Protein backbone atom coordinates (compact mmCIF):
# COMPACT_ATOMS: atom_id res chain seq x y z
CA MET A 1 -1.89 -32.53 0.31
CA GLU A 2 1.26 -32.70 2.39
CA VAL A 3 4.17 -30.43 1.45
CA ILE A 4 7.60 -29.62 2.86
CA LEU A 5 8.15 -25.88 3.23
CA LEU A 6 11.37 -24.57 1.68
CA GLU A 7 10.99 -21.18 3.39
CA ARG A 8 8.90 -19.59 6.10
CA VAL A 9 5.33 -19.00 4.93
CA ALA A 10 3.14 -16.65 6.98
CA LYS A 11 0.32 -18.35 8.88
CA LEU A 12 1.52 -21.75 7.69
CA GLY A 13 4.89 -22.74 9.10
CA GLN A 14 8.69 -22.55 9.22
CA MET A 15 11.25 -23.91 6.79
CA GLY A 16 11.49 -27.69 6.87
CA GLU A 17 8.06 -28.30 8.38
CA THR A 18 5.74 -30.79 6.73
CA VAL A 19 2.27 -29.24 6.59
CA ASN A 20 -1.06 -30.33 5.21
CA VAL A 21 -2.63 -27.79 2.82
CA ARG A 22 -5.40 -27.81 0.27
CA PRO A 23 -4.33 -29.20 -3.10
CA GLY A 24 -5.14 -25.99 -5.01
CA PHE A 25 -3.08 -23.83 -2.63
CA ALA A 26 -0.18 -26.27 -2.93
CA ARG A 27 -0.28 -26.49 -6.75
CA ASN A 28 -1.09 -22.88 -7.58
CA PHE A 29 0.94 -21.05 -4.95
CA LEU A 30 3.45 -23.06 -2.91
CA LEU A 31 4.77 -25.40 -5.61
CA ALA A 32 4.50 -22.85 -8.44
CA ARG A 33 6.57 -20.26 -6.55
CA GLY A 34 9.14 -22.70 -5.24
CA LYS A 35 8.10 -22.29 -1.61
CA ALA A 36 7.45 -26.00 -1.04
CA LEU A 37 7.98 -29.56 -2.29
CA ARG A 38 5.50 -32.43 -2.27
CA ALA A 39 6.10 -34.53 0.85
CA THR A 40 7.28 -37.74 -0.83
CA GLU A 41 10.07 -39.88 0.60
CA ALA A 42 12.42 -38.88 -2.22
CA ASN A 43 11.71 -35.15 -1.67
CA LYS A 44 12.18 -35.50 2.11
CA LYS A 45 15.60 -37.04 1.53
CA ARG A 46 16.45 -34.36 -1.08
CA PHE A 47 15.38 -31.61 1.34
CA GLU A 48 17.56 -32.99 4.15
CA ASP A 49 20.54 -33.13 1.77
CA GLN A 50 19.98 -29.49 0.69
CA ARG A 51 18.87 -28.12 4.06
CA ALA A 52 22.15 -26.32 4.81
CA GLN A 53 22.15 -24.65 1.39
CA LEU A 54 18.51 -23.59 1.75
CA GLU A 55 19.11 -22.17 5.22
CA ALA A 56 22.17 -20.24 3.99
CA ARG A 57 20.21 -18.86 1.04
CA ASN A 58 17.35 -17.89 3.36
CA LEU A 59 19.80 -16.16 5.73
CA ASP A 60 21.33 -14.17 2.83
CA ARG A 61 17.88 -13.09 1.63
CA LYS A 62 16.95 -12.06 5.16
CA LYS A 63 20.13 -9.97 5.55
CA ASP A 64 19.45 -8.24 2.22
CA ALA A 65 15.85 -7.57 3.24
CA GLU A 66 16.96 -6.17 6.60
CA ALA A 67 19.40 -3.80 4.86
CA VAL A 68 16.60 -2.49 2.62
CA ALA A 69 14.25 -2.37 5.62
CA GLU A 70 16.54 -0.01 7.53
CA LYS A 71 16.37 2.51 4.69
CA LEU A 72 12.72 1.97 3.73
CA ASP A 73 11.07 1.86 7.16
CA GLY A 74 9.05 5.00 7.87
CA GLN A 75 9.64 6.57 4.45
CA ASN A 76 7.01 8.90 2.98
CA PHE A 77 5.99 8.75 -0.66
CA ILE A 78 3.72 11.18 -2.52
CA LEU A 79 1.21 10.10 -5.15
CA ILE A 80 -0.67 12.74 -7.15
CA ARG A 81 -4.16 11.63 -8.21
CA GLN A 82 -7.39 13.26 -9.35
CA SER A 83 -10.31 13.22 -6.95
CA GLY A 84 -13.64 14.79 -6.19
CA GLU A 85 -14.22 17.56 -3.67
CA THR A 86 -15.03 15.05 -0.94
CA GLY A 87 -11.63 13.38 -1.28
CA VAL A 88 -12.76 10.23 -3.09
CA LEU A 89 -10.34 9.28 -5.86
CA TYR A 90 -11.34 8.83 -9.49
CA GLY A 91 -10.06 5.27 -9.60
CA SER A 92 -7.89 3.79 -6.87
CA VAL A 93 -4.30 3.27 -5.81
CA SER A 94 -3.19 -0.33 -6.18
CA THR A 95 -0.04 -2.22 -5.26
CA ARG A 96 1.27 -1.63 -8.80
CA ASP A 97 1.09 2.16 -8.26
CA LEU A 98 2.83 1.83 -4.90
CA ALA A 99 5.62 -0.31 -6.38
CA GLU A 100 6.22 2.28 -9.13
CA VAL A 101 6.48 5.17 -6.66
CA VAL A 102 8.81 3.31 -4.30
CA SER A 103 10.98 2.10 -7.21
CA LYS A 104 11.39 5.67 -8.51
CA ASP A 105 13.09 6.54 -5.21
CA GLY A 106 15.68 3.79 -5.72
CA PHE A 107 14.20 0.92 -3.71
CA THR A 108 13.65 -2.48 -5.29
CA VAL A 109 10.21 -3.56 -4.14
CA GLU A 110 7.80 -5.70 -6.12
CA ARG A 111 4.06 -5.13 -6.07
CA GLY A 112 3.46 -8.50 -4.39
CA GLN A 113 5.40 -7.30 -1.35
CA PHE A 114 2.81 -4.62 -0.50
CA THR A 115 0.01 -5.77 1.78
CA LEU A 116 -3.25 -4.03 0.89
CA ASN A 117 -6.50 -5.59 2.02
CA GLN A 118 -8.32 -3.35 -0.43
CA PRO A 119 -7.25 -0.62 -2.86
CA ILE A 120 -6.84 2.90 -1.50
CA LYS A 121 -9.71 5.10 -2.70
CA THR A 122 -9.37 8.32 -0.66
CA LEU A 123 -6.99 11.24 -0.33
CA GLY A 124 -4.81 11.43 2.75
CA LEU A 125 -1.96 9.71 4.53
CA HIS A 126 -2.10 5.91 4.38
CA THR A 127 0.27 3.52 6.18
CA VAL A 128 1.04 0.50 4.03
CA PRO A 129 2.91 -2.61 5.25
CA VAL A 130 5.67 -3.97 2.99
CA VAL A 131 6.81 -7.58 3.43
CA LEU A 132 10.41 -7.68 2.19
CA HIS A 133 11.03 -11.21 3.50
CA PRO A 134 8.73 -13.59 5.38
CA GLU A 135 10.50 -12.48 8.58
CA VAL A 136 11.03 -8.77 7.69
CA GLU A 137 8.14 -6.32 7.46
CA VAL A 138 8.24 -2.51 7.38
CA LYS A 139 5.66 0.24 7.05
CA VAL A 140 5.72 3.14 4.61
CA THR A 141 3.44 6.16 4.49
CA VAL A 142 1.79 7.08 1.21
CA ASN A 143 0.53 10.66 0.89
CA ILE A 144 -2.18 10.73 -1.77
CA ALA A 145 -3.07 14.25 -2.87
CA ARG A 146 -4.37 16.27 -5.83
CA SER A 147 -1.23 18.45 -6.09
CA PRO A 148 2.22 18.74 -4.50
CA GLU A 149 1.03 21.75 -2.46
CA GLU A 150 -1.88 19.74 -1.12
CA ALA A 151 0.50 16.90 -0.24
CA GLU A 152 2.55 19.35 1.84
CA ARG A 153 -0.59 20.54 3.63
CA GLN A 154 -1.60 16.94 4.38
CA ALA A 155 1.89 16.18 5.68
CA ARG A 156 1.54 19.09 8.13
CA GLY A 157 -1.74 17.58 9.36
CA GLU A 158 -4.23 19.86 7.64
CA SER A 159 -7.41 18.40 6.20
CA VAL A 160 -7.76 19.11 2.51
CA THR A 161 -11.27 17.73 2.15
CA GLU A 162 -12.94 20.31 4.37
CA ARG A 163 -14.56 23.17 2.53
CA GLU A 164 -13.08 26.51 3.37
CA ALA A 165 -15.53 28.64 5.33
CA PHE A 166 -15.65 32.19 4.14
CA ASN A 167 -17.50 35.31 5.05
CA LEU A 168 -19.34 37.15 2.28
CA ASP A 169 -18.27 40.48 3.77
CA ASP A 170 -14.63 39.42 3.41
CA LEU A 171 -15.16 38.86 -0.28
CA GLY A 172 -16.05 42.51 -0.75
CA LEU A 173 -19.53 41.82 -2.08
CA GLU A 174 -22.30 44.22 -1.43
CA VAL A 175 -24.86 41.53 -0.80
CA GLY A 176 -27.43 43.87 0.69
CA ALA A 177 -27.37 46.18 -2.31
CA ALA A 178 -27.56 43.25 -4.71
CA LEU A 179 -30.53 41.77 -2.81
CA ALA A 180 -32.26 45.16 -2.67
CA ASP A 181 -31.87 45.61 -6.42
CA ALA A 182 -33.18 42.12 -7.02
CA GLY A 183 -36.13 42.78 -4.71
CA GLU A 184 -37.05 46.01 -6.49
CA GLY A 185 -36.95 44.25 -9.84
CA ALA A 186 -39.31 41.57 -8.51
CA ASP A 187 -41.80 44.23 -7.28
CA ASP A 188 -41.91 45.90 -10.71
CA ARG A 189 -42.95 42.62 -12.36
CA GLY A 190 -45.77 41.91 -9.96
């Protein structure tokens, strides 16, 4: 199906281009979200008549996105989640969770603007791209931890999933005496 793009669409084309796409993609995504028109003669004429308005609207949206991008680029956000000792989350962090955290800090970002190939399922620092406009993309860092203290440790670069090595002597245990007592008790039974 041939469509006329009303805005830039990633990996497809620029505004005003007539492109050939699969009918399902056109109906369910491009036409439904107002990103394209069917490439009929009447729509081509209508697009040419409205081209200046569409380009002005696109330029305004891009300027707004660039203003938000200046403030949002490189920001760090902390998410507190439960996880196992190995750092695997009970559940996962989705784009909805990311949108909530970013919105709490005063940014207006929708969940569809986050680009996650798969949900985040581990503790740690994760860099997530945010597409504010088809031509404006920024990256934010999400610090996923079990507690605020752990988030601070991760931000400093410490690994929170490593088990802490400890020396039994440092714990103040008299291991030898305990083993000797246990050994004597075993001899009495035998």
